[in-house]
Amino acid sequence: MGILDALKGIFSGSGSSGSGESSAGFFFYVRCPSGHPIRVWVNRSSDLVQDFEGDTIGGYMLTKHIVCPRCYKKTRAEIRYDRGFRETSREIDNGRFIDASEYEAATGGSASPGA
């Protein structure tokens, strides 16, 4: 059963841990303007843009345009990270950020993608 769990993690984007975070990326959670919970995947190699301070990389910036799969309303999230990928600031238009536990409570399931 271990190999099936590993394959499931690879194809769901969660790695083998099932925690929702891997070296490839991580999830964050929002509610759309209508209040629907949404899990958003961030791919570290393609979604994050280097944020320069002079000639050196000062951190990374993420801008995600999110369309709710239920009501099709748009939400825009902007999150900044330092060089160690630790969040330094976040802003959202037409929605609000929620945590994994609120997402799990609203959907009645697990916040990890492999579950």
PDB file of N, CA and C in Angstrom:
ATOM      1  N   MET A   1       0.822  -1.197   0.000  1.00  0.00           N
ATOM      2  CA  MET A   1       0.000   0.000   0.000  1.00  0.00           C
ATOM      3  C   MET A   1       0.865   1.261   0.000  1.00  0.00           C
ATOM      4  N   GLY A   2       2.102   1.161   0.445  1.00  0.00           N
ATOM      5  CA  GLY A   2       2.979   2.320   0.520  1.00  0.00           C
ATOM      6  C   GLY A   2       3.255   2.946  -0.834  1.00  0.00           C
ATOM      7  N   ILE A   3       3.450   2.123  -1.854  1.00  0.00           N
ATOM      8  CA  ILE A   3       3.730   2.660  -3.192  1.00  0.00           C
ATOM      9  C   ILE A   3       2.512   3.387  -3.755  1.00  0.00           C
ATOM     10  N   LEU A   4       1.317   2.888  -3.464  1.00  0.00           N
ATOM     11  CA  LEU A   4       0.109   3.565  -3.943  1.00  0.00           C
ATOM     12  C   LEU A   4      -0.051   4.923  -3.273  1.00  0.00           C
ATOM     13  N   ASP A   5       0.265   5.005  -1.976  1.00  0.00           N
ATOM     14  CA  ASP A   5       0.198   6.284  -1.281  1.00  0.00           C
ATOM     15  C   ASP A   5       1.207   7.278  -1.855  1.00  0.00           C
ATOM     16  N   ALA A   6       2.407   6.784  -2.181  1.00  0.00           N
ATOM     17  CA  ALA A   6       3.428   7.658  -2.765  1.00  0.00           C
ATOM     18  C   ALA A   6       2.989   8.181  -4.124  1.00  0.00           C
ATOM     19  N   LEU A   7       2.438   7.304  -4.962  1.00  0.00           N
ATOM     20  CA  LEU A   7       1.950   7.736  -6.278  1.00  0.00           C
ATOM     21  C   LEU A   7       0.803   8.723  -6.136  1.00  0.00           C
ATOM     22  N   LYS A   8      -0.084   8.460  -5.200  1.00  0.00           N
ATOM     23  CA  LYS A   8      -1.206   9.366  -4.957  1.00  0.00           C
ATOM     24  C   LYS A   8      -0.693  10.751  -4.566  1.00  0.00           C
ATOM     25  N   GLY A   9       0.338  10.802  -3.720  1.00  0.00           N
ATOM     26  CA  GLY A   9       0.919  12.072  -3.305  1.00  0.00           C
ATOM     27  C   GLY A   9       1.590  12.810  -4.445  1.00  0.00           C
ATOM     28  N   ILE A  10       2.256  12.065  -5.316  1.00  0.00           N
ATOM     29  CA  ILE A  10       2.928  12.692  -6.458  1.00  0.00           C
ATOM     30  C   ILE A  10       1.920  13.345  -7.384  1.00  0.00           C
ATOM     31  N   PHE A  11       0.836  12.616  -7.701  1.00  0.00           N
ATOM     32  CA  PHE A  11      -0.135  13.136  -8.658  1.00  0.00           C
ATOM     33  C   PHE A  11      -1.070  14.173  -8.065  1.00  0.00           C
ATOM     34  N   SER A  12      -1.156  14.251  -6.735  1.00  0.00           N
ATOM     35  CA  SER A  12      -2.003  15.273  -6.121  1.00  0.00           C
ATOM     36  C   SER A  12      -1.215  16.532  -5.807  1.00  0.00           C
ATOM     37  N   GLY A  13       0.115  16.486  -5.993  1.00  0.00           N
ATOM     38  CA  GLY A  13       0.933  17.671  -5.729  1.00  0.00           C
ATOM     39  C   GLY A  13       1.349  17.815  -4.297  1.00  0.00           C
ATOM     40  N   SER A  14       1.166  16.783  -3.462  1.00  0.00           N
ATOM     41  CA  SER A  14       1.481  16.932  -2.050  1.00  0.00           C
ATOM     42  C   SER A  14       2.750  16.227  -1.640  1.00  0.00           C
ATOM     43  N   GLY A  15       3.468  15.614  -2.562  1.00  0.00           N
ATOM     44  CA  GLY A  15       4.618  14.833  -2.167  1.00  0.00           C
ATOM     45  C   GLY A  15       4.138  13.580  -1.457  1.00  0.00           C
ATOM     46  N   SER A  16       5.018  12.917  -0.717  1.00  0.00           N
ATOM     47  CA  SER A  16       4.610  11.693  -0.056  1.00  0.00           C
ATOM     48  C   SER A  16       4.119  11.924   1.355  1.00  0.00           C
ATOM     49  N   SER A  17       4.259  13.108   1.893  1.00  0.00           N
ATOM     50  CA  SER A  17       3.888  13.347   3.281  1.00  0.00           C
ATOM     51  C   SER A  17       2.403  13.566   3.467  1.00  0.00           C
ATOM     52  N   GLY A  18       1.686  14.064   2.459  1.00  0.00           N
ATOM     53  CA  GLY A  18       0.268  14.315   2.589  1.00  0.00           C
ATOM     54  C   GLY A  18      -0.048  15.548   3.422  1.00  0.00           C
ATOM     55  N   SER A  19       0.954  16.361   3.757  1.00  0.00           N
ATOM     56  CA  SER A  19       0.753  17.511   4.623  1.00  0.00           C
ATOM     57  C   SER A  19       0.283  18.746   3.867  1.00  0.00           C
ATOM     58  N   GLY A  20       0.290  18.699   2.542  1.00  0.00           N
ATOM     59  CA  GLY A  20      -0.108  19.858   1.771  1.00  0.00           C
ATOM     60  C   GLY A  20       1.056  20.763   1.442  1.00  0.00           C
ATOM     61  N   GLU A  21       2.258  20.383   1.859  1.00  0.00           N
ATOM     62  CA  GLU A  21       3.441  21.173   1.541  1.00  0.00           C
ATOM     63  C   GLU A  21       4.550  20.224   1.126  1.00  0.00           C
ATOM     64  N   SER A  22       5.290  20.613   0.107  1.00  0.00           N
ATOM     65  CA  SER A  22       6.426  19.831  -0.354  1.00  0.00           C
ATOM     66  C   SER A  22       7.457  20.801  -0.895  1.00  0.00           C
ATOM     67  N   SER A  23       8.568  20.257  -1.363  1.00  0.00           N
ATOM     68  CA  SER A  23       9.577  21.133  -1.958  1.00  0.00           C
ATOM     69  C   SER A  23       9.068  21.751  -3.247  1.00  0.00           C
ATOM     70  N   ALA A  24       8.072  21.128  -3.880  1.00  0.00           N
ATOM     71  CA  ALA A  24       7.509  21.653  -5.117  1.00  0.00           C
ATOM     72  C   ALA A  24       6.558  22.813  -4.879  1.00  0.00           C
ATOM     73  N   GLY A  25       5.915  22.857  -3.713  1.00  0.00           N
ATOM     74  CA  GLY A  25       4.965  23.925  -3.452  1.00  0.00           C
ATOM     75  C   GLY A  25       4.179  23.718  -2.182  1.00  0.00           C
ATOM     76  N   PHE A  26       3.105  24.490  -2.056  1.00  0.00           N
ATOM     77  CA  PHE A  26       2.293  24.465  -0.844  1.00  0.00           C
ATOM     78  C   PHE A  26       0.912  25.027  -1.153  1.00  0.00           C
ATOM     79  N   PHE A  27       0.001  24.860  -0.213  1.00  0.00           N
ATOM     80  CA  PHE A  27      -1.354  25.366  -0.352  1.00  0.00           C
ATOM     81  C   PHE A  27      -1.570  26.577   0.543  1.00  0.00           C
ATOM     82  N   PHE A  28      -2.480  27.457   0.133  1.00  0.00           N
ATOM     83  CA  PHE A  28      -3.073  28.427   1.047  1.00  0.00           C
ATOM     84  C   PHE A  28      -4.570  28.415   0.781  1.00  0.00           C
ATOM     85  N   TYR A  29      -5.323  29.014   1.667  1.00  0.00           N
ATOM     86  CA  TYR A  29      -6.779  28.879   1.637  1.00  0.00           C
ATOM     87  C   TYR A  29      -7.444  30.243   1.677  1.00  0.00           C
ATOM     88  N   VAL A  30      -8.507  30.392   0.897  1.00  0.00           N
ATOM     89  CA  VAL A  30      -9.258  31.650   0.845  1.00  0.00           C
ATOM     90  C   VAL A  30     -10.754  31.346   0.823  1.00  0.00           C
ATOM     91  N   ARG A  31     -11.527  32.371   1.065  1.00  0.00           N
ATOM     92  CA  ARG A  31     -12.966  32.338   0.806  1.00  0.00           C
ATOM     93  C   ARG A  31     -13.233  33.360  -0.281  1.00  0.00           C
ATOM     94  N   CYS A  32     -14.034  32.974  -1.266  1.00  0.00           N
ATOM     95  CA  CYS A  32     -14.389  33.870  -2.366  1.00  0.00           C
ATOM     96  C   CYS A  32     -15.382  34.919  -1.852  1.00  0.00           C
ATOM     97  N   PRO A  33     -15.761  35.906  -2.660  1.00  0.00           N
ATOM     98  CA  PRO A  33     -16.720  36.922  -2.230  1.00  0.00           C
ATOM     99  C   PRO A  33     -18.065  36.340  -1.781  1.00  0.00           C
ATOM    100  N   SER A  34     -18.433  35.165  -2.303  1.00  0.00           N
ATOM    101  CA  SER A  34     -19.689  34.522  -1.902  1.00  0.00           C
ATOM    102  C   SER A  34     -19.526  33.664  -0.657  1.00  0.00           C
ATOM    103  N   GLY A  35     -18.294  33.511  -0.175  1.00  0.00           N
ATOM    104  CA  GLY A  35     -18.045  32.752   1.044  1.00  0.00           C
ATOM    105  C   GLY A  35     -17.641  31.303   0.852  1.00  0.00           C
ATOM    106  N   HIS A  36     -17.458  30.868  -0.393  1.00  0.00           N
ATOM    107  CA  HIS A  36     -17.055  29.483  -0.636  1.00  0.00           C
ATOM    108  C   HIS A  36     -15.569  29.303  -0.306  1.00  0.00           C
ATOM    109  N   PRO A  37     -15.210  28.217   0.402  1.00  0.00           N
ATOM    110  CA  PRO A  37     -13.795  27.962   0.696  1.00  0.00           C
ATOM    111  C   PRO A  37     -13.076  27.404  -0.533  1.00  0.00           C
ATOM    112  N   ILE A  38     -11.841  27.864  -0.748  1.00  0.00           N
ATOM    113  CA  ILE A  38     -11.047  27.433  -1.900  1.00  0.00           C
ATOM    114  C   ILE A  38      -9.632  27.110  -1.427  1.00  0.00           C
ATOM    115  N   ARG A  39      -9.107  25.968  -1.863  1.00  0.00           N
ATOM    116  CA  ARG A  39      -7.708  25.595  -1.603  1.00  0.00           C
ATOM    117  C   ARG A  39      -6.914  25.960  -2.841  1.00  0.00           C
ATOM    118  N   VAL A  40      -5.816  26.708  -2.673  1.00  0.00           N
ATOM    119  CA  VAL A  40      -5.019  27.215  -3.793  1.00  0.00           C
ATOM    120  C   VAL A  40      -3.611  26.641  -3.708  1.00  0.00           C
ATOM    121  N   TRP A  41      -3.152  26.018  -4.778  1.00  0.00           N
ATOM    122  CA  TRP A  41      -1.805  25.453  -4.853  1.00  0.00           C
ATOM    123  C   TRP A  41      -0.825  26.498  -5.362  1.00  0.00           C
ATOM    124  N   VAL A  42       0.323  26.604  -4.710  1.00  0.00           N
ATOM    125  CA  VAL A  42       1.409  27.495  -5.126  1.00  0.00           C
ATOM    126  C   VAL A  42       2.588  26.630  -5.544  1.00  0.00           C
ATOM    127  N   ASN A  43       2.963  26.712  -6.808  1.00  0.00           N
ATOM    128  CA  ASN A  43       4.121  26.003  -7.327  1.00  0.00           C
ATOM    129  C   ASN A  43       5.330  26.907  -7.139  1.00  0.00           C
ATOM    130  N   ARG A  44       6.293  26.470  -6.329  1.00  0.00           N
ATOM    131  CA  ARG A  44       7.454  27.315  -6.033  1.00  0.00           C
ATOM    132  C   ARG A  44       8.258  27.682  -7.280  1.00  0.00           C
ATOM    133  N   SER A  45       8.286  26.814  -8.281  1.00  0.00           N
ATOM    134  CA  SER A  45       9.129  27.095  -9.443  1.00  0.00           C
ATOM    135  C   SER A  45       8.457  27.974 -10.491  1.00  0.00           C
ATOM    136  N   SER A  46       7.129  28.024 -10.516  1.00  0.00           N
ATOM    137  CA  SER A  46       6.490  28.814 -11.576  1.00  0.00           C
ATOM    138  C   SER A  46       5.599  29.949 -11.061  1.00  0.00           C
ATOM    139  N   ASP A  47       5.139  29.891  -9.823  1.00  0.00           N
ATOM    140  CA  ASP A  47       4.237  30.930  -9.310  1.00  0.00           C
ATOM    141  C   ASP A  47       4.949  32.066  -8.579  1.00  0.00           C
ATOM    142  N   LEU A  48       6.094  31.778  -7.988  1.00  0.00           N
ATOM    143  CA  LEU A  48       6.802  32.800  -7.217  1.00  0.00           C
ATOM    144  C   LEU A  48       7.762  33.584  -8.112  1.00  0.00           C
ATOM    145  N   VAL A  49       7.735  34.897  -7.963  1.00  0.00           N
ATOM    146  CA  VAL A  49       8.597  35.791  -8.731  1.00  0.00           C
ATOM    147  C   VAL A  49       9.649  36.357  -7.794  1.00  0.00           C
ATOM    148  N   GLN A  50      10.895  36.387  -8.240  1.00  0.00           N
ATOM    149  CA  GLN A  50      11.968  36.943  -7.416  1.00  0.00           C
ATOM    150  C   GLN A  50      11.736  38.434  -7.222  1.00  0.00           C
ATOM    151  N   ASP A  51      11.912  38.873  -5.979  1.00  0.00           N
ATOM    152  CA  ASP A  51      11.753  40.278  -5.608  1.00  0.00           C
ATOM    153  C   ASP A  51      13.142  40.805  -5.256  1.00  0.00           C
ATOM    154  N   PHE A  52      13.678  41.687  -6.092  1.00  0.00           N
ATOM    155  CA  PHE A  52      15.051  42.139  -5.933  1.00  0.00           C
ATOM    156  C   PHE A  52      15.147  43.368  -5.037  1.00  0.00           C
ATOM    157  N   GLU A  53      16.210  43.389  -4.240  1.00  0.00           N
ATOM    158  CA  GLU A  53      16.614  44.569  -3.473  1.00  0.00           C
ATOM    159  C   GLU A  53      17.994  44.949  -4.000  1.00  0.00           C
ATOM    160  N   GLY A  54      18.025  45.897  -4.906  1.00  0.00           N
ATOM    161  CA  GLY A  54      19.276  46.224  -5.580  1.00  0.00           C
ATOM    162  C   GLY A  54      19.641  45.106  -6.536  1.00  0.00           C
ATOM    163  N   ASP A  55      20.840  44.538  -6.347  1.00  0.00           N
ATOM    164  CA  ASP A  55      21.310  43.458  -7.216  1.00  0.00           C
ATOM    165  C   ASP A  55      21.100  42.066  -6.620  1.00  0.00           C
ATOM    166  N   THR A  56      20.534  41.992  -5.425  1.00  0.00           N
ATOM    167  CA  THR A  56      20.356  40.690  -4.776  1.00  0.00           C
ATOM    168  C   THR A  56      18.873  40.363  -4.611  1.00  0.00           C
ATOM    169  N   ILE A  57      18.614  39.096  -4.487  1.00  0.00           N
ATOM    170  CA  ILE A  57      17.237  38.644  -4.281  1.00  0.00           C
ATOM    171  C   ILE A  57      16.863  38.903  -2.828  1.00  0.00           C
ATOM    172  N   GLY A  58      15.853  39.731  -2.627  1.00  0.00           N
ATOM    173  CA  GLY A  58      15.405  40.049  -1.274  1.00  0.00           C
ATOM    174  C   GLY A  58      14.306  39.117  -0.802  1.00  0.00           C
ATOM    175  N   GLY A  59      13.654  38.444  -1.729  1.00  0.00           N
ATOM    176  CA  GLY A  59      12.566  37.536  -1.387  1.00  0.00           C
ATOM    177  C   GLY A  59      11.794  37.165  -2.639  1.00  0.00           C
ATOM    178  N   TYR A  60      10.531  36.811  -2.418  1.00  0.00           N
ATOM    179  CA  TYR A  60       9.683  36.357  -3.524  1.00  0.00           C
ATOM    180  C   TYR A  60       8.296  36.962  -3.386  1.00  0.00           C
ATOM    181  N   MET A  61       7.615  37.104  -4.506  1.00  0.00           N
ATOM    182  CA  MET A  61       6.263  37.642  -4.502  1.00  0.00           C
ATOM    183  C   MET A  61       5.356  36.698  -5.284  1.00  0.00           C
ATOM    184  N   LEU A  62       4.165  36.515  -4.763  1.00  0.00           N
ATOM    185  CA  LEU A  62       3.158  35.683  -5.401  1.00  0.00           C
ATOM    186  C   LEU A  62       1.934  36.530  -5.677  1.00  0.00           C
ATOM    187  N   THR A  63       1.451  36.502  -6.894  1.00  0.00           N
ATOM    188  CA  THR A  63       0.166  37.100  -7.234  1.00  0.00           C
ATOM    189  C   THR A  63      -0.676  36.006  -7.863  1.00  0.00           C
ATOM    190  N   LYS A  64      -1.799  35.693  -7.231  1.00  0.00           N
ATOM    191  CA  LYS A  64      -2.695  34.640  -7.733  1.00  0.00           C
ATOM    192  C   LYS A  64      -4.053  35.237  -8.033  1.00  0.00           C
ATOM    193  N   HIS A  65      -4.541  34.999  -9.227  1.00  0.00           N
ATOM    194  CA  HIS A  65      -5.899  35.360  -9.608  1.00  0.00           C
ATOM    195  C   HIS A  65      -6.710  34.073  -9.500  1.00  0.00           C
ATOM    196  N   ILE A  66      -7.669  34.063  -8.604  1.00  0.00           N
ATOM    197  CA  ILE A  66      -8.400  32.853  -8.254  1.00  0.00           C
ATOM    198  C   ILE A  66      -9.846  33.007  -8.724  1.00  0.00           C
ATOM    199  N   VAL A  67     -10.356  32.003  -9.399  1.00  0.00           N
ATOM    200  CA  VAL A  67     -11.756  31.988  -9.821  1.00  0.00           C
ATOM    201  C   VAL A  67     -12.448  30.868  -9.047  1.00  0.00           C
ATOM    202  N   CYS A  68     -13.498  31.205  -8.326  1.00  0.00           N
ATOM    203  CA  CYS A  68     -14.224  30.215  -7.536  1.00  0.00           C
ATOM    204  C   CYS A  68     -14.853  29.177  -8.470  1.00  0.00           C
ATOM    205  N   PRO A  69     -14.643  27.893  -8.196  1.00  0.00           N
ATOM    206  CA  PRO A  69     -15.236  26.868  -9.064  1.00  0.00           C
ATOM    207  C   PRO A  69     -16.755  26.727  -8.904  1.00  0.00           C
ATOM    208  N   ARG A  70     -17.329  27.336  -7.870  1.00  0.00           N
ATOM    209  CA  ARG A  70     -18.779  27.259  -7.672  1.00  0.00           C
ATOM    210  C   ARG A  70     -19.522  28.455  -8.258  1.00  0.00           C
ATOM    211  N   CYS A  71     -19.072  29.672  -7.925  1.00  0.00           N
ATOM    212  CA  CYS A  71     -19.827  30.866  -8.345  1.00  0.00           C
ATOM    213  C   CYS A  71     -19.107  31.669  -9.430  1.00  0.00           C
ATOM    214  N   TYR A  72     -17.863  31.314  -9.734  1.00  0.00           N
ATOM    215  CA  TYR A  72     -17.046  31.957 -10.770  1.00  0.00           C
ATOM    216  C   TYR A  72     -16.684  33.407 -10.462  1.00  0.00           C
ATOM    217  N   LYS A  73     -16.804  33.809  -9.200  1.00  0.00           N
ATOM    218  CA  LYS A  73     -16.357  35.151  -8.825  1.00  0.00           C
ATOM    219  C   LYS A  73     -14.843  35.135  -8.651  1.00  0.00           C
ATOM    220  N   LYS A  74     -14.223  36.283  -8.939  1.00  0.00           N
ATOM    221  CA  LYS A  74     -12.766  36.386  -8.936  1.00  0.00           C
ATOM    222  C   LYS A  74     -12.253  36.946  -7.622  1.00  0.00           C
ATOM    223  N   THR A  75     -11.098  36.423  -7.215  1.00  0.00           N
ATOM    224  CA  THR A  75     -10.380  36.887  -6.038  1.00  0.00           C
ATOM    225  C   THR A  75      -8.924  37.039  -6.446  1.00  0.00           C
ATOM    226  N   ARG A  76      -8.268  38.068  -5.925  1.00  0.00           N
ATOM    227  CA  ARG A  76      -6.844  38.278  -6.218  1.00  0.00           C
ATOM    228  C   ARG A  76      -6.084  38.296  -4.907  1.00  0.00           C
ATOM    229  N   ALA A  77      -5.071  37.449  -4.793  1.00  0.00           N
ATOM    230  CA  ALA A  77      -4.247  37.384  -3.588  1.00  0.00           C
ATOM    231  C   ALA A  77      -2.811  37.747  -3.937  1.00  0.00           C
ATOM    232  N   GLU A  78      -2.182  38.526  -3.062  1.00  0.00           N
ATOM    233  CA  GLU A  78      -0.765  38.869  -3.216  1.00  0.00           C
ATOM    234  C   GLU A  78      -0.073  38.582  -1.892  1.00  0.00           C
ATOM    235  N   ILE A  79       0.949  37.733  -1.944  1.00  0.00           N
ATOM    236  CA  ILE A  79       1.687  37.338  -0.749  1.00  0.00           C
ATOM    237  C   ILE A  79       3.167  37.533  -1.018  1.00  0.00           C
ATOM    238  N   ARG A  80       3.869  38.091  -0.043  1.00  0.00           N
ATOM    239  CA  ARG A  80       5.318  38.291  -0.150  1.00  0.00           C
ATOM    240  C   ARG A  80       6.030  37.369   0.836  1.00  0.00           C
ATOM    241  N   TYR A  81       7.181  36.866   0.390  1.00  0.00           N
ATOM    242  CA  TYR A  81       7.982  35.944   1.190  1.00  0.00           C
ATOM    243  C   TYR A  81       9.413  36.450   1.256  1.00  0.00           C
ATOM    244  N   ASP A  82      10.121  36.108   2.338  1.00  0.00           N
ATOM    245  CA  ASP A  82      11.542  36.444   2.409  1.00  0.00           C
ATOM    246  C   ASP A  82      12.329  35.362   1.657  1.00  0.00           C
ATOM    247  N   ARG A  83      13.642  35.435   1.695  1.00  0.00           N
ATOM    248  CA  ARG A  83      14.463  34.480   0.946  1.00  0.00           C
ATOM    249  C   ARG A  83      14.307  33.046   1.447  1.00  0.00           C
ATOM    250  N   GLY A  84      13.883  32.881   2.691  1.00  0.00           N
ATOM    251  CA  GLY A  84      13.663  31.551   3.251  1.00  0.00           C
ATOM    252  C   GLY A  84      12.244  31.044   3.049  1.00  0.00           C
ATOM    253  N   PHE A  85      11.476  31.708   2.185  1.00  0.00           N
ATOM    254  CA  PHE A  85      10.086  31.363   1.874  1.00  0.00           C
ATOM    255  C   PHE A  85       9.166  31.507   3.091  1.00  0.00           C
ATOM    256  N   ARG A  86       9.518  32.391   4.018  1.00  0.00           N
ATOM    257  CA  ARG A  86       8.637  32.709   5.145  1.00  0.00           C
ATOM    258  C   ARG A  86       7.800  33.920   4.766  1.00  0.00           C
ATOM    259  N   GLU A  87       6.515  33.826   5.004  1.00  0.00           N
ATOM    260  CA  GLU A  87       5.595  34.892   4.621  1.00  0.00           C
ATOM    261  C   GLU A  87       5.897  36.178   5.398  1.00  0.00           C
ATOM    262  N   THR A  88       5.939  37.307   4.666  1.00  0.00           N
ATOM    263  CA  THR A  88       6.177  38.597   5.312  1.00  0.00           C
ATOM    264  C   THR A  88       4.964  39.514   5.241  1.00  0.00           C
ATOM    265  N   SER A  89       4.107  39.350   4.206  1.00  0.00           N
ATOM    266  CA  SER A  89       2.883  40.154   4.113  1.00  0.00           C
ATOM    267  C   SER A  89       1.906  39.468   3.173  1.00  0.00           C
ATOM    268  N   ARG A  90       0.627  39.839   3.337  1.00  0.00           N
ATOM    269  CA  ARG A  90      -0.416  39.290   2.460  1.00  0.00           C
ATOM    270  C   ARG A  90      -1.536  40.295   2.309  1.00  0.00           C
ATOM    271  N   GLU A  91      -2.110  40.313   1.103  1.00  0.00           N
ATOM    272  CA  GLU A  91      -3.258  41.162   0.794  1.00  0.00           C
ATOM    273  C   GLU A  91      -4.207  40.360  -0.075  1.00  0.00           C
ATOM    274  N   ILE A  92      -5.492  40.666   0.033  1.00  0.00           N
ATOM    275  CA  ILE A  92      -6.472  39.975  -0.799  1.00  0.00           C
ATOM    276  C   ILE A  92      -7.556  40.955  -1.213  1.00  0.00           C
ATOM    277  N   ASP A  93      -7.986  40.859  -2.455  1.00  0.00           N
ATOM    278  CA  ASP A  93      -9.092  41.655  -2.985  1.00  0.00           C
ATOM    279  C   ASP A  93     -10.257  40.709  -3.251  1.00  0.00           C
ATOM    280  N   ASN A  94     -11.457  41.105  -2.835  1.00  0.00           N
ATOM    281  CA  ASN A  94     -12.676  40.331  -3.093  1.00  0.00           C
ATOM    282  C   ASN A  94     -12.652  38.945  -2.472  1.00  0.00           C
ATOM    283  N   GLY A  95     -12.279  38.856  -1.231  1.00  0.00           N
ATOM    284  CA  GLY A  95     -12.268  37.583  -0.524  1.00  0.00           C
ATOM    285  C   GLY A  95     -11.569  37.756   0.803  1.00  0.00           C
ATOM    286  N   ARG A  96     -11.291  36.640   1.462  1.00  0.00           N
ATOM    287  CA  ARG A  96     -10.518  36.705   2.694  1.00  0.00           C
ATOM    288  C   ARG A  96      -9.713  35.429   2.855  1.00  0.00           C
ATOM    289  N   PHE A  97      -8.576  35.551   3.522  1.00  0.00           N
ATOM    290  CA  PHE A  97      -7.741  34.399   3.801  1.00  0.00           C
ATOM    291  C   PHE A  97      -8.365  33.600   4.943  1.00  0.00           C
ATOM    292  N   ILE A  98      -8.244  32.280   4.864  1.00  0.00           N
ATOM    293  CA  ILE A  98      -8.649  31.404   5.957  1.00  0.00           C
ATOM    294  C   ILE A  98      -7.503  30.423   6.198  1.00  0.00           C
ATOM    295  N   ASP A  99      -7.547  29.698   7.313  1.00  0.00           N
ATOM    296  CA  ASP A  99      -6.511  28.705   7.564  1.00  0.00           C
ATOM    297  C   ASP A  99      -7.017  27.315   7.190  1.00  0.00           C
ATOM    298  N   ALA A 100      -6.125  26.339   7.253  1.00  0.00           N
ATOM    299  CA  ALA A 100      -6.460  24.972   6.840  1.00  0.00           C
ATOM    300  C   ALA A 100      -7.579  24.384   7.681  1.00  0.00           C
ATOM    301  N   SER A 101      -7.610  24.711   8.974  1.00  0.00           N
ATOM    302  CA  SER A 101      -8.655  24.152   9.839  1.00  0.00           C
ATOM    303  C   SER A 101     -10.037  24.708   9.480  1.00  0.00           C
ATOM    304  N   GLU A 102     -10.114  25.994   9.118  1.00  0.00           N
ATOM    305  CA  GLU A 102     -11.390  26.564   8.693  1.00  0.00           C
ATOM    306  C   GLU A 102     -11.837  25.959   7.362  1.00  0.00           C
ATOM    307  N   TYR A 103     -10.886  25.736   6.459  1.00  0.00           N
ATOM    308  CA  TYR A 103     -11.207  25.089   5.187  1.00  0.00           C
ATOM    309  C   TYR A 103     -11.743  23.684   5.437  1.00  0.00           C
ATOM    310  N   GLU A 104     -11.065  22.946   6.308  1.00  0.00           N
ATOM    311  CA  GLU A 104     -11.470  21.574   6.615  1.00  0.00           C
ATOM    312  C   GLU A 104     -12.865  21.539   7.241  1.00  0.00           C
ATOM    313  N   ALA A 105     -13.149  22.457   8.153  1.00  0.00           N
ATOM    314  CA  ALA A 105     -14.454  22.517   8.790  1.00  0.00           C
ATOM    315  C   ALA A 105     -15.548  22.864   7.778  1.00  0.00           C
ATOM    316  N   ALA A 106     -15.236  23.752   6.836  1.00  0.00           N
ATOM    317  CA  ALA A 106     -16.235  24.189   5.856  1.00  0.00           C
ATOM    318  C   ALA A 106     -16.510  23.123   4.796  1.00  0.00           C
ATOM    319  N   THR A 107     -15.503  22.310   4.491  1.00  0.00           N
ATOM    320  CA  THR A 107     -15.683  21.307   3.449  1.00  0.00           C
ATOM    321  C   THR A 107     -15.994  19.922   4.004  1.00  0.00           C
ATOM    322  N   GLY A 108     -15.836  19.767   5.311  1.00  0.00           N
ATOM    323  CA  GLY A 108     -16.124  18.485   5.923  1.00  0.00           C
ATOM    324  C   GLY A 108     -15.095  17.415   5.610  1.00  0.00           C
ATOM    325  N   GLY A 109     -13.937  17.833   5.113  1.00  0.00           N
ATOM    326  CA  GLY A 109     -12.902  16.872   4.752  1.00  0.00           C
ATOM    327  C   GLY A 109     -11.560  17.326   5.249  1.00  0.00           C
ATOM    328  N   SER A 110     -10.552  16.685   4.760  1.00  0.00           N
ATOM    329  CA  SER A 110      -9.185  16.990   5.152  1.00  0.00           C
ATOM    330  C   SER A 110      -8.629  18.111   4.264  1.00  0.00           C
ATOM    331  N   ALA A 111      -7.787  18.954   4.871  1.00  0.00           N
ATOM    332  CA  ALA A 111      -7.146  20.023   4.096  1.00  0.00           C
ATOM    333  C   ALA A 111      -5.980  19.486   3.271  1.00  0.00           C
ATOM    334  N   SER A 112      -5.501  18.277   3.583  1.00  0.00           N
ATOM    335  CA  SER A 112      -4.422  17.717   2.794  1.00  0.00           C
ATOM    336  C   SER A 112      -4.991  17.059   1.542  1.00  0.00           C
ATOM    337  N   PRO A 113      -4.360  17.276   0.390  1.00  0.00           N
ATOM    338  CA  PRO A 113      -4.928  16.857  -0.887  1.00  0.00           C
ATOM    339  C   PRO A 113      -4.983  15.356  -1.070  1.00  0.00           C
ATOM    340  N   GLY A 114      -4.151  14.597  -0.407  1.00  0.00           N
ATOM    341  CA  GLY A 114      -4.123  13.163  -0.602  1.00  0.00           C
ATOM    342  C   GLY A 114      -5.175  12.427   0.203  1.00  0.00           C
ATOM    343  N   ALA A 115      -5.905  13.125   1.068  1.00  0.00           N
ATOM    344  CA  ALA A 115      -6.868  12.450   1.936  1.00  0.00           C
ATOM    345  C   ALA A 115      -8.232  12.339   1.298  1.00  0.00           C
TER     346      ALA A 115
END
